[in-house]
Amino acid sequence: MLSEGQFYDVLRQSLWIAVITSVPILTVALVTGLVVGLFQALTSIQEMTLTFVPKLAAIVIVFWMSMGFMTQTLVSFFQATVLTLIIGGN
C-alpha cells in the first residue's frame, strides 16, 4: 500500500518531469512569439496567421528534435518509480 508521503513524493516527481519535458517547447514558443511580435510591431503588419504559422512550425521542429529526450525521461521515471511501486517495492 502506498503511504501518503510516497504518494506526494511521486506526485512531486511527476510534476517536475512534466516541467522538464515541456520547457524546450514552451521556450521556443515564447521566443518565436516575441520575434514575430517584434517583427509585426516594426513593420505594422497585423496578420493573424503570421503569429500562428511560425510558432506552430517552431514547436513541431523542437518537438521532433527533443522527442528522444522526452521519451527517455518518461521511460526512466516510469521504470524507476512507477513500475517499482506497482510491483510492490519501496
PDB file of N, CA and C in Angstrom:
ATOM      1  N   MET A   1       0.839  -1.180   0.000  1.00  0.00           N
ATOM      2  CA  MET A   1       0.000   0.000   0.000  1.00  0.00           C
ATOM      3  C   MET A   1       0.884   1.243   0.000  1.00  0.00           C
ATOM      4  N   LEU A   2       0.484   2.203  -0.737  1.00  0.00           N
ATOM      5  CA  LEU A   2       1.234   3.447  -0.886  1.00  0.00           C
ATOM      6  C   LEU A   2       0.906   4.396   0.266  1.00  0.00           C
ATOM      7  N   SER A   3       1.938   4.850   0.970  1.00  0.00           N
ATOM      8  CA  SER A   3       1.701   5.791   2.060  1.00  0.00           C
ATOM      9  C   SER A   3       1.471   7.187   1.498  1.00  0.00           C
ATOM     10  N   GLU A   4       0.991   8.057   2.356  1.00  0.00           N
ATOM     11  CA  GLU A   4       0.720   9.430   1.927  1.00  0.00           C
ATOM     12  C   GLU A   4       1.998  10.142   1.508  1.00  0.00           C
ATOM     13  N   GLY A   5       3.071   9.899   2.214  1.00  0.00           N
ATOM     14  CA  GLY A   5       4.352  10.514   1.866  1.00  0.00           C
ATOM     15  C   GLY A   5       4.874  10.044   0.522  1.00  0.00           C
ATOM     16  N   GLN A   6       4.739   8.741   0.262  1.00  0.00           N
ATOM     17  CA  GLN A   6       5.168   8.206  -1.033  1.00  0.00           C
ATOM     18  C   GLN A   6       4.320   8.778  -2.164  1.00  0.00           C
ATOM     19  N   PHE A   7       3.026   8.895  -1.921  1.00  0.00           N
ATOM     20  CA  PHE A   7       2.130   9.449  -2.929  1.00  0.00           C
ATOM     21  C   PHE A   7       2.543  10.868  -3.310  1.00  0.00           C
ATOM     22  N   TYR A   8       2.782  11.699  -2.305  1.00  0.00           N
ATOM     23  CA  TYR A   8       3.160  13.085  -2.581  1.00  0.00           C
ATOM     24  C   TYR A   8       4.549  13.178  -3.209  1.00  0.00           C
ATOM     25  N   ASP A   9       5.432  12.251  -2.866  1.00  0.00           N
ATOM     26  CA  ASP A   9       6.761  12.237  -3.480  1.00  0.00           C
ATOM     27  C   ASP A   9       6.659  11.890  -4.965  1.00  0.00           C
ATOM     28  N   VAL A  10       5.864  10.888  -5.294  1.00  0.00           N
ATOM     29  CA  VAL A  10       5.666  10.515  -6.697  1.00  0.00           C
ATOM     30  C   VAL A  10       4.969  11.642  -7.452  1.00  0.00           C
ATOM     31  N   LEU A  11       3.999  12.285  -6.812  1.00  0.00           N
ATOM     32  CA  LEU A  11       3.311  13.418  -7.437  1.00  0.00           C
ATOM     33  C   LEU A  11       4.283  14.563  -7.709  1.00  0.00           C
ATOM     34  N   ARG A  12       5.151  14.862  -6.733  1.00  0.00           N
ATOM     35  CA  ARG A  12       6.145  15.925  -6.907  1.00  0.00           C
ATOM     36  C   ARG A  12       7.098  15.585  -8.046  1.00  0.00           C
ATOM     37  N   GLN A  13       7.570  14.337  -8.093  1.00  0.00           N
ATOM     38  CA  GLN A  13       8.466  13.917  -9.172  1.00  0.00           C
ATOM     39  C   GLN A  13       7.766  13.984 -10.530  1.00  0.00           C
ATOM     40  N   SER A  14       6.500  13.595 -10.568  1.00  0.00           N
ATOM     41  CA  SER A  14       5.739  13.634 -11.826  1.00  0.00           C
ATOM     42  C   SER A  14       5.586  15.056 -12.344  1.00  0.00           C
ATOM     43  N   LEU A  15       5.280  15.970 -11.447  1.00  0.00           N
ATOM     44  CA  LEU A  15       5.151  17.370 -11.863  1.00  0.00           C
ATOM     45  C   LEU A  15       6.486  17.933 -12.332  1.00  0.00           C
ATOM     46  N   TRP A  16       7.580  17.557 -11.679  1.00  0.00           N
ATOM     47  CA  TRP A  16       8.894  18.024 -12.105  1.00  0.00           C
ATOM     48  C   TRP A  16       9.240  17.467 -13.486  1.00  0.00           C
ATOM     49  N   ILE A  17       8.923  16.195 -13.739  1.00  0.00           N
ATOM     50  CA  ILE A  17       9.152  15.601 -15.062  1.00  0.00           C
ATOM     51  C   ILE A  17       8.326  16.341 -16.115  1.00  0.00           C
ATOM     52  N   ALA A  18       7.096  16.694 -15.789  1.00  0.00           N
ATOM     53  CA  ALA A  18       6.250  17.445 -16.723  1.00  0.00           C
ATOM     54  C   ALA A  18       6.869  18.798 -17.044  1.00  0.00           C
ATOM     55  N   VAL A  19       7.428  19.461 -16.046  1.00  0.00           N
ATOM     56  CA  VAL A  19       8.079  20.755 -16.273  1.00  0.00           C
ATOM     57  C   VAL A  19       9.311  20.577 -17.152  1.00  0.00           C
ATOM     58  N   ILE A  20      10.140  19.597 -16.831  1.00  0.00           N
ATOM     59  CA  ILE A  20      11.380  19.377 -17.586  1.00  0.00           C
ATOM     60  C   ILE A  20      11.090  19.056 -19.050  1.00  0.00           C
ATOM     61  N   THR A  21      10.091  18.222 -19.295  1.00  0.00           N
ATOM     62  CA  THR A  21       9.814  17.835 -20.679  1.00  0.00           C
ATOM     63  C   THR A  21       9.101  18.933 -21.471  1.00  0.00           C
ATOM     64  N   SER A  22       8.441  19.861 -20.788  1.00  0.00           N
ATOM     65  CA  SER A  22       7.730  20.914 -21.522  1.00  0.00           C
ATOM     66  C   SER A  22       8.559  22.180 -21.733  1.00  0.00           C
ATOM     67  N   VAL A  23       9.661  22.325 -21.033  1.00  0.00           N
ATOM     68  CA  VAL A  23      10.464  23.552 -21.133  1.00  0.00           C
ATOM     69  C   VAL A  23      10.977  23.824 -22.548  1.00  0.00           C
ATOM     70  N   PRO A  24      11.523  22.840 -23.280  1.00  0.00           N
ATOM     71  CA  PRO A  24      12.003  23.177 -24.635  1.00  0.00           C
ATOM     72  C   PRO A  24      10.915  23.729 -25.547  1.00  0.00           C
ATOM     73  N   ILE A  25       9.756  23.125 -25.526  1.00  0.00           N
ATOM     74  CA  ILE A  25       8.671  23.569 -26.409  1.00  0.00           C
ATOM     75  C   ILE A  25       8.148  24.938 -25.980  1.00  0.00           C
ATOM     76  N   LEU A  26       7.969  25.135 -24.686  1.00  0.00           N
ATOM     77  CA  LEU A  26       7.458  26.424 -24.212  1.00  0.00           C
ATOM     78  C   LEU A  26       8.450  27.550 -24.451  1.00  0.00           C
ATOM     79  N   THR A  27       9.735  27.260 -24.312  1.00  0.00           N
ATOM     80  CA  THR A  27      10.762  28.277 -24.566  1.00  0.00           C
ATOM     81  C   THR A  27      10.755  28.702 -26.026  1.00  0.00           C
ATOM     82  N   VAL A  28      10.689  27.727 -26.930  1.00  0.00           N
ATOM     83  CA  VAL A  28      10.671  28.059 -28.357  1.00  0.00           C
ATOM     84  C   VAL A  28       9.407  28.814 -28.716  1.00  0.00           C
ATOM     85  N   ALA A  29       8.273  28.441 -28.136  1.00  0.00           N
ATOM     86  CA  ALA A  29       7.026  29.163 -28.414  1.00  0.00           C
ATOM     87  C   ALA A  29       7.126  30.608 -27.938  1.00  0.00           C
ATOM     88  N   LEU A  30       7.732  30.813 -26.768  1.00  0.00           N
ATOM     89  CA  LEU A  30       7.888  32.167 -26.243  1.00  0.00           C
ATOM     90  C   LEU A  30       8.817  33.000 -27.116  1.00  0.00           C
ATOM     91  N   VAL A  31       9.971  32.456 -27.467  1.00  0.00           N
ATOM     92  CA  VAL A  31      10.942  33.199 -28.274  1.00  0.00           C
ATOM     93  C   VAL A  31      10.380  33.495 -29.659  1.00  0.00           C
ATOM     94  N   THR A  32       9.748  32.506 -30.266  1.00  0.00           N
ATOM     95  CA  THR A  32       9.157  32.723 -31.593  1.00  0.00           C
ATOM     96  C   THR A  32       8.061  33.774 -31.536  1.00  0.00           C
ATOM     97  N   GLY A  33       7.230  33.727 -30.502  1.00  0.00           N
ATOM     98  CA  GLY A  33       6.179  34.728 -30.349  1.00  0.00           C
ATOM     99  C   GLY A  33       6.739  36.130 -30.182  1.00  0.00           C
ATOM    100  N   LEU A  34       7.817  36.247 -29.405  1.00  0.00           N
ATOM    101  CA  LEU A  34       8.444  37.559 -29.234  1.00  0.00           C
ATOM    102  C   LEU A  34       9.048  38.082 -30.527  1.00  0.00           C
ATOM    103  N   VAL A  35       9.723  37.211 -31.266  1.00  0.00           N
ATOM    104  CA  VAL A  35      10.340  37.630 -32.529  1.00  0.00           C
ATOM    105  C   VAL A  35       9.276  38.041 -33.540  1.00  0.00           C
ATOM    106  N   VAL A  36       8.232  37.254 -33.655  1.00  0.00           N
ATOM    107  CA  VAL A  36       7.165  37.592 -34.605  1.00  0.00           C
ATOM    108  C   VAL A  36       6.444  38.864 -34.165  1.00  0.00           C
ATOM    109  N   GLY A  37       6.215  39.011 -32.869  1.00  0.00           N
ATOM    110  CA  GLY A  37       5.577  40.232 -32.363  1.00  0.00           C
ATOM    111  C   GLY A  37       6.422  41.467 -32.628  1.00  0.00           C
ATOM    112  N   LEU A  38       7.729  41.329 -32.434  1.00  0.00           N
ATOM    113  CA  LEU A  38       8.634  42.444 -32.729  1.00  0.00           C
ATOM    114  C   LEU A  38       8.618  42.768 -34.222  1.00  0.00           C
ATOM    115  N   PHE A  39       8.637  41.726 -35.048  1.00  0.00           N
ATOM    116  CA  PHE A  39       8.576  41.937 -36.500  1.00  0.00           C
ATOM    117  C   PHE A  39       7.278  42.633 -36.890  1.00  0.00           C
ATOM    118  N   GLN A  40       6.166  42.225 -36.293  1.00  0.00           N
ATOM    119  CA  GLN A  40       4.884  42.858 -36.607  1.00  0.00           C
ATOM    120  C   GLN A  40       4.852  44.313 -36.142  1.00  0.00           C
ATOM    121  N   ALA A  41       5.449  44.584 -34.989  1.00  0.00           N
ATOM    122  CA  ALA A  41       5.466  45.963 -34.491  1.00  0.00           C
ATOM    123  C   ALA A  41       6.342  46.859 -35.366  1.00  0.00           C
ATOM    124  N   LEU A  42       7.444  46.313 -35.859  1.00  0.00           N
ATOM    125  CA  LEU A  42       8.348  47.114 -36.685  1.00  0.00           C
ATOM    126  C   LEU A  42       7.803  47.363 -38.088  1.00  0.00           C
ATOM    127  N   THR A  43       7.044  46.418 -38.612  1.00  0.00           N
ATOM    128  CA  THR A  43       6.556  46.551 -39.986  1.00  0.00           C
ATOM    129  C   THR A  43       5.089  46.938 -40.075  1.00  0.00           C
ATOM    130  N   SER A  44       4.403  47.028 -38.948  1.00  0.00           N
ATOM    131  CA  SER A  44       2.971  47.351 -38.898  1.00  0.00           C
ATOM    132  C   SER A  44       2.116  46.354 -39.661  1.00  0.00           C
ATOM    133  N   ILE A  45       2.591  45.113 -39.773  1.00  0.00           N
ATOM    134  CA  ILE A  45       1.800  44.042 -40.387  1.00  0.00           C
ATOM    135  C   ILE A  45       1.027  43.358 -39.270  1.00  0.00           C
ATOM    136  N   GLN A  46      -0.286  43.347 -39.349  1.00  0.00           N
ATOM    137  CA  GLN A  46      -1.118  42.773 -38.295  1.00  0.00           C
ATOM    138  C   GLN A  46      -1.905  41.573 -38.822  1.00  0.00           C
ATOM    139  N   GLU A  47      -1.222  40.650 -39.428  1.00  0.00           N
ATOM    140  CA  GLU A  47      -1.852  39.447 -39.953  1.00  0.00           C
ATOM    141  C   GLU A  47      -1.860  38.374 -38.869  1.00  0.00           C
ATOM    142  N   MET A  48      -3.029  37.780 -38.586  1.00  0.00           N
ATOM    143  CA  MET A  48      -3.144  36.791 -37.512  1.00  0.00           C
ATOM    144  C   MET A  48      -2.395  35.496 -37.825  1.00  0.00           C
ATOM    145  N   THR A  49      -2.377  35.093 -39.092  1.00  0.00           N
ATOM    146  CA  THR A  49      -1.682  33.852 -39.436  1.00  0.00           C
ATOM    147  C   THR A  49      -0.172  34.010 -39.315  1.00  0.00           C
ATOM    148  N   LEU A  50       0.319  35.231 -39.342  1.00  0.00           N
ATOM    149  CA  LEU A  50       1.756  35.464 -39.212  1.00  0.00           C
ATOM    150  C   LEU A  50       2.243  35.082 -37.819  1.00  0.00           C
ATOM    151  N   THR A  51       1.392  35.166 -36.821  1.00  0.00           N
ATOM    152  CA  THR A  51       1.797  34.750 -35.480  1.00  0.00           C
ATOM    153  C   THR A  51       1.626  33.252 -35.288  1.00  0.00           C
ATOM    154  N   PHE A  52       0.654  32.659 -35.929  1.00  0.00           N
ATOM    155  CA  PHE A  52       0.326  31.260 -35.699  1.00  0.00           C
ATOM    156  C   PHE A  52       1.255  30.301 -36.434  1.00  0.00           C
ATOM    157  N   VAL A  53       1.483  30.513 -37.710  1.00  0.00           N
ATOM    158  CA  VAL A  53       2.224  29.554 -38.540  1.00  0.00           C
ATOM    159  C   VAL A  53       3.691  29.426 -38.118  1.00  0.00           C
ATOM    160  N   PRO A  54       4.439  30.504 -37.918  1.00  0.00           N
ATOM    161  CA  PRO A  54       5.838  30.317 -37.490  1.00  0.00           C
ATOM    162  C   PRO A  54       5.959  29.669 -36.109  1.00  0.00           C
ATOM    163  N   LYS A  55       5.056  30.024 -35.204  1.00  0.00           N
ATOM    164  CA  LYS A  55       5.098  29.437 -33.868  1.00  0.00           C
ATOM    165  C   LYS A  55       4.798  27.942 -33.932  1.00  0.00           C
ATOM    166  N   LEU A  56       3.810  27.559 -34.720  1.00  0.00           N
ATOM    167  CA  LEU A  56       3.473  26.150 -34.872  1.00  0.00           C
ATOM    168  C   LEU A  56       4.621  25.377 -35.514  1.00  0.00           C
ATOM    169  N   ALA A  57       5.240  25.960 -36.535  1.00  0.00           N
ATOM    170  CA  ALA A  57       6.364  25.299 -37.194  1.00  0.00           C
ATOM    171  C   ALA A  57       7.544  25.125 -36.231  1.00  0.00           C
ATOM    172  N   ALA A  58       7.841  26.146 -35.443  1.00  0.00           N
ATOM    173  CA  ALA A  58       8.943  26.054 -34.491  1.00  0.00           C
ATOM    174  C   ALA A  58       8.650  25.017 -33.412  1.00  0.00           C
ATOM    175  N   ILE A  59       7.423  24.952 -32.952  1.00  0.00           N
ATOM    176  CA  ILE A  59       7.047  23.967 -31.937  1.00  0.00           C
ATOM    177  C   ILE A  59       7.177  22.553 -32.483  1.00  0.00           C
ATOM    178  N   VAL A  60       6.729  22.328 -33.706  1.00  0.00           N
ATOM    179  CA  VAL A  60       6.821  20.997 -34.309  1.00  0.00           C
ATOM    180  C   VAL A  60       8.278  20.590 -34.485  1.00  0.00           C
ATOM    181  N   ILE A  61       9.123  21.508 -34.920  1.00  0.00           N
ATOM    182  CA  ILE A  61      10.546  21.197 -35.116  1.00  0.00           C
ATOM    183  C   ILE A  61      11.214  20.860 -33.789  1.00  0.00           C
ATOM    184  N   VAL A  62      10.961  21.650 -32.760  1.00  0.00           N
ATOM    185  CA  VAL A  62      11.577  21.396 -31.458  1.00  0.00           C
ATOM    186  C   VAL A  62      11.019  20.119 -30.841  1.00  0.00           C
ATOM    187  N   PHE A  63       9.744  19.865 -31.022  1.00  0.00           N
ATOM    188  CA  PHE A  63       9.178  18.615 -30.519  1.00  0.00           C
ATOM    189  C   PHE A  63       9.838  17.424 -31.191  1.00  0.00           C
ATOM    190  N   TRP A  64      10.028  17.500 -32.488  1.00  0.00           N
ATOM    191  CA  TRP A  64      10.673  16.412 -33.227  1.00  0.00           C
ATOM    192  C   TRP A  64      12.115  16.221 -32.759  1.00  0.00           C
ATOM    193  N   MET A  65      12.816  17.329 -32.498  1.00  0.00           N
ATOM    194  CA  MET A  65      14.212  17.235 -32.066  1.00  0.00           C
ATOM    195  C   MET A  65      14.339  16.743 -30.618  1.00  0.00           C
ATOM    196  N   SER A  66      13.395  17.061 -29.759  1.00  0.00           N
ATOM    197  CA  SER A  66      13.509  16.692 -28.348  1.00  0.00           C
ATOM    198  C   SER A  66      12.670  15.473 -27.980  1.00  0.00           C
ATOM    199  N   MET A  67      12.108  14.811 -28.960  1.00  0.00           N
ATOM    200  CA  MET A  67      11.274  13.648 -28.697  1.00  0.00           C
ATOM    201  C   MET A  67      12.048  12.530 -27.997  1.00  0.00           C
ATOM    202  N   GLY A  68      13.283  12.297 -28.372  1.00  0.00           N
ATOM    203  CA  GLY A  68      14.098  11.265 -27.748  1.00  0.00           C
ATOM    204  C   GLY A  68      14.360  11.570 -26.282  1.00  0.00           C
ATOM    205  N   PHE A  69      14.680  12.825 -25.984  1.00  0.00           N
ATOM    206  CA  PHE A  69      14.910  13.241 -24.598  1.00  0.00           C
ATOM    207  C   PHE A  69      13.650  13.069 -23.763  1.00  0.00           C
ATOM    208  N   MET A  70      12.520  13.492 -24.310  1.00  0.00           N
ATOM    209  CA  MET A  70      11.264  13.378 -23.577  1.00  0.00           C
ATOM    210  C   MET A  70      10.905  11.914 -23.319  1.00  0.00           C
ATOM    211  N   THR A  71      11.046  11.091 -24.334  1.00  0.00           N
ATOM    212  CA  THR A  71      10.726   9.674 -24.192  1.00  0.00           C
ATOM    213  C   THR A  71      11.630   9.008 -23.177  1.00  0.00           C
ATOM    214  N   GLN A  72      12.936   9.280 -23.253  1.00  0.00           N
ATOM    215  CA  GLN A  72      13.876   8.682 -22.312  1.00  0.00           C
ATOM    216  C   GLN A  72      13.589   9.129 -20.880  1.00  0.00           C
ATOM    217  N   THR A  73      13.249  10.378 -20.681  1.00  0.00           N
ATOM    218  CA  THR A  73      12.940  10.891 -19.350  1.00  0.00           C
ATOM    219  C   THR A  73      11.697  10.215 -18.782  1.00  0.00           C
ATOM    220  N   LEU A  74      10.657  10.107 -19.590  1.00  0.00           N
ATOM    221  CA  LEU A  74       9.420   9.480 -19.119  1.00  0.00           C
ATOM    222  C   LEU A  74       9.593   7.987 -18.867  1.00  0.00           C
ATOM    223  N   VAL A  75      10.319   7.298 -19.744  1.00  0.00           N
ATOM    224  CA  VAL A  75      10.546   5.860 -19.564  1.00  0.00           C
ATOM    225  C   VAL A  75      11.375   5.587 -18.322  1.00  0.00           C
ATOM    226  N   SER A  76      12.428   6.370 -18.103  1.00  0.00           N
ATOM    227  CA  SER A  76      13.248   6.150 -16.917  1.00  0.00           C
ATOM    228  C   SER A  76      12.472   6.448 -15.641  1.00  0.00           C
ATOM    229  N   PHE A  77      11.618   7.470 -15.641  1.00  0.00           N
ATOM    230  CA  PHE A  77      10.779   7.748 -14.476  1.00  0.00           C
ATOM    231  C   PHE A  77       9.799   6.612 -14.236  1.00  0.00           C
ATOM    232  N   PHE A  78       9.195   6.117 -15.294  1.00  0.00           N
ATOM    233  CA  PHE A  78       8.235   5.033 -15.148  1.00  0.00           C
ATOM    234  C   PHE A  78       8.902   3.769 -14.618  1.00  0.00           C
ATOM    235  N   GLN A  79      10.062   3.434 -15.181  1.00  0.00           N
ATOM    236  CA  GLN A  79      10.746   2.216 -14.759  1.00  0.00           C
ATOM    237  C   GLN A  79      11.294   2.329 -13.339  1.00  0.00           C
ATOM    238  N   ALA A  80      11.838   3.476 -12.986  1.00  0.00           N
ATOM    239  CA  ALA A  80      12.470   3.629 -11.683  1.00  0.00           C
ATOM    240  C   ALA A  80      11.461   3.871 -10.564  1.00  0.00           C
ATOM    241  N   THR A  81      10.364   4.523 -10.851  1.00  0.00           N
ATOM    242  CA  THR A  81       9.448   4.921  -9.790  1.00  0.00           C
ATOM    243  C   THR A  81       8.109   4.201  -9.866  1.00  0.00           C
ATOM    244  N   VAL A  82       7.400   4.388 -10.953  1.00  0.00           N
ATOM    245  CA  VAL A  82       6.025   3.896 -11.045  1.00  0.00           C
ATOM    246  C   VAL A  82       5.985   2.374 -11.088  1.00  0.00           C
ATOM    247  N   LEU A  83       6.822   1.771 -11.916  1.00  0.00           N
ATOM    248  CA  LEU A  83       6.831   0.313 -12.029  1.00  0.00           C
ATOM    249  C   LEU A  83       7.241  -0.337 -10.713  1.00  0.00           C
ATOM    250  N   THR A  84       8.183   0.271 -10.002  1.00  0.00           N
ATOM    251  CA  THR A  84       8.597  -0.245  -8.698  1.00  0.00           C
ATOM    252  C   THR A  84       7.453  -0.200  -7.694  1.00  0.00           C
ATOM    253  N   LEU A  85       6.666   0.859  -7.725  1.00  0.00           N
ATOM    254  CA  LEU A  85       5.522   0.956  -6.819  1.00  0.00           C
ATOM    255  C   LEU A  85       4.409  -0.028  -7.189  1.00  0.00           C
ATOM    256  N   ILE A  86       4.238  -0.282  -8.493  1.00  0.00           N
ATOM    257  CA  ILE A  86       3.217  -1.225  -8.940  1.00  0.00           C
ATOM    258  C   ILE A  86       3.588  -2.640  -8.509  1.00  0.00           C
ATOM    259  N   ILE A  87       4.870  -2.978  -8.671  1.00  0.00           N
ATOM    260  CA  ILE A  87       5.332  -4.308  -8.300  1.00  0.00           C
ATOM    261  C   ILE A  87       5.245  -4.509  -6.788  1.00  0.00           C
ATOM    262  N   GLY A  88       5.465  -3.439  -6.038  1.00  0.00           N
ATOM    263  CA  GLY A  88       5.343  -3.529  -4.593  1.00  0.00           C
ATOM    264  C   GLY A  88       6.619  -3.249  -3.852  1.00  0.00           C
ATOM    265  N   GLY A  89       7.638  -2.818  -4.548  1.00  0.00           N
ATOM    266  CA  GLY A  89       8.894  -2.454  -3.883  1.00  0.00           C
ATOM    267  C   GLY A  89       8.830  -1.048  -3.345  1.00  0.00           C
ATOM    268  N   ASN A  90       9.762  -0.707  -2.497  1.00  0.00           N
ATOM    269  CA  ASN A  90       9.779   0.651  -1.932  1.00  0.00           C
ATOM    270  C   ASN A  90      10.851   1.449  -2.557  1.00  0.00           C
TER     271      ASN A  90
END
